[in-house]
Amino acid sequence: MTNHRQTTSPSRQKRPFFIRRGPMENIATVLISAGFLMLFQPFLLVLYTYSLAALLAGTVMFIIVSKFPE
């Protein structure tokens, strides 16, 4: 008689990538960093133009994602 045990508890099921806190916080941090670098580069006006949008998107994303469960 074989006794099969479940390796993960039902409450700790693996969530899809886009609703996991850790990876999404990393993506938001990279987006904020990219916006910051775009703001202070002197070469391309188009990067400077979209730097504020990137900073705001990363900040809002970080605020929302930080509310996700661990």
C-alpha atoms as a PDB file:
ATOM      1  CA  MET A   1       0.000   0.000   0.000  1.00  0.00           C
ATOM      2  CA  THR A   2       1.481   3.295  -1.058  1.00  0.00           C
ATOM      3  CA  ASN A   3       0.787   6.417   0.918  1.00  0.00           C
ATOM      4  CA  HIS A   4       0.770   9.471  -1.369  1.00  0.00           C
ATOM      5  CA  ARG A   5       1.384  12.746   0.355  1.00  0.00           C
ATOM      6  CA  GLN A   6       0.660  16.082  -1.142  1.00  0.00           C
ATOM      7  CA  THR A   7       3.871  18.131  -1.336  1.00  0.00           C
ATOM      8  CA  THR A   8       2.159  21.512  -1.165  1.00  0.00           C
ATOM      9  CA  SER A   9      -0.699  22.416   1.078  1.00  0.00           C
ATOM     10  CA  PRO A  10      -3.908  23.532  -0.640  1.00  0.00           C
ATOM     11  CA  SER A  11      -3.538  27.084   0.690  1.00  0.00           C
ATOM     12  CA  ARG A  12       0.015  27.424  -0.714  1.00  0.00           C
ATOM     13  CA  GLN A  13      -0.689  26.629  -4.362  1.00  0.00           C
ATOM     14  CA  LYS A  14       1.788  28.126  -6.826  1.00  0.00           C
ATOM     15  CA  ARG A  15       0.381  31.378  -8.193  1.00  0.00           C
ATOM     16  CA  PRO A  16       0.854  32.602 -11.760  1.00  0.00           C
ATOM     17  CA  PHE A  17       3.897  34.814 -12.357  1.00  0.00           C
ATOM     18  CA  PHE A  18       1.935  38.040 -12.777  1.00  0.00           C
ATOM     19  CA  ILE A  19       0.325  37.861  -9.324  1.00  0.00           C
ATOM     20  CA  ARG A  20       3.404  36.842  -7.335  1.00  0.00           C
ATOM     21  CA  ARG A  21       4.766  39.622  -5.154  1.00  0.00           C
ATOM     22  CA  GLY A  22       8.527  39.055  -5.419  1.00  0.00           C
ATOM     23  CA  PRO A  23       9.014  39.023  -9.204  1.00  0.00           C
ATOM     24  CA  MET A  24       6.541  41.854  -9.785  1.00  0.00           C
ATOM     25  CA  GLU A  25       8.249  44.056  -7.183  1.00  0.00           C
ATOM     26  CA  ASN A  26      11.534  43.434  -9.015  1.00  0.00           C
ATOM     27  CA  ILE A  27       9.969  44.436 -12.340  1.00  0.00           C
ATOM     28  CA  ALA A  28       8.532  47.612 -10.768  1.00  0.00           C
ATOM     29  CA  THR A  29      11.939  48.477  -9.310  1.00  0.00           C
ATOM     30  CA  VAL A  30      13.607  48.003 -12.698  1.00  0.00           C
ATOM     31  CA  LEU A  31      10.966  50.235 -14.301  1.00  0.00           C
ATOM     32  CA  ILE A  32      11.578  52.961 -11.711  1.00  0.00           C
ATOM     33  CA  SER A  33      15.346  52.673 -12.255  1.00  0.00           C
ATOM     34  CA  ALA A  34      14.918  52.864 -16.031  1.00  0.00           C
ATOM     35  CA  GLY A  35      12.771  55.989 -15.668  1.00  0.00           C
ATOM     36  CA  PHE A  36      15.401  57.569 -13.444  1.00  0.00           C
ATOM     37  CA  LEU A  37      18.183  56.811 -15.936  1.00  0.00           C
ATOM     38  CA  MET A  38      16.038  58.095 -18.804  1.00  0.00           C
ATOM     39  CA  LEU A  39      15.527  61.354 -16.902  1.00  0.00           C
ATOM     40  CA  PHE A  40      19.246  62.032 -16.449  1.00  0.00           C
ATOM     41  CA  GLN A  41      20.659  60.992 -19.800  1.00  0.00           C
ATOM     42  CA  PRO A  42      21.704  63.820 -22.158  1.00  0.00           C
ATOM     43  CA  PHE A  43      21.494  62.007 -25.516  1.00  0.00           C
ATOM     44  CA  LEU A  44      17.935  61.286 -26.631  1.00  0.00           C
ATOM     45  CA  LEU A  45      15.016  63.643 -26.155  1.00  0.00           C
ATOM     46  CA  VAL A  46      12.495  60.825 -26.628  1.00  0.00           C
ATOM     47  CA  LEU A  47      13.872  59.001 -23.558  1.00  0.00           C
ATOM     48  CA  TYR A  48      13.664  62.188 -21.528  1.00  0.00           C
ATOM     49  CA  THR A  49      10.090  62.703 -22.743  1.00  0.00           C
ATOM     50  CA  TYR A  50       8.889  59.320 -21.468  1.00  0.00           C
ATOM     51  CA  SER A  51      10.959  59.265 -18.273  1.00  0.00           C
ATOM     52  CA  LEU A  52       8.219  60.685 -16.061  1.00  0.00           C
ATOM     53  CA  ALA A  53       5.696  58.198 -17.424  1.00  0.00           C
ATOM     54  CA  ALA A  54       8.088  55.326 -16.674  1.00  0.00           C
ATOM     55  CA  LEU A  55       8.749  56.621 -13.160  1.00  0.00           C
ATOM     56  CA  LEU A  56       5.050  57.015 -12.419  1.00  0.00           C
ATOM     57  CA  ALA A  57       4.126  53.632 -13.895  1.00  0.00           C
ATOM     58  CA  GLY A  58       6.821  51.893 -11.855  1.00  0.00           C
ATOM     59  CA  THR A  59       5.799  53.685  -8.673  1.00  0.00           C
ATOM     60  CA  VAL A  60       2.105  52.881  -9.087  1.00  0.00           C
ATOM     61  CA  MET A  61       2.949  49.294  -9.980  1.00  0.00           C
ATOM     62  CA  PHE A  62       5.135  48.966  -6.870  1.00  0.00           C
ATOM     63  CA  ILE A  63       2.396  50.377  -4.622  1.00  0.00           C
ATOM     64  CA  ILE A  64      -0.192  47.966  -6.028  1.00  0.00           C
ATOM     65  CA  VAL A  65       2.094  44.921  -6.028  1.00  0.00           C
ATOM     66  CA  SER A  66       3.252  45.548  -2.455  1.00  0.00           C
ATOM     67  CA  LYS A  67      -0.322  44.780  -1.344  1.00  0.00           C
ATOM     68  CA  PHE A  68      -0.176  41.254  -2.838  1.00  0.00           C
ATOM     69  CA  PRO A  69       0.204  38.349  -0.395  1.00  0.00           C
ATOM     70  CA  GLU A  70       3.665  36.818  -0.019  1.00  0.00           C
END
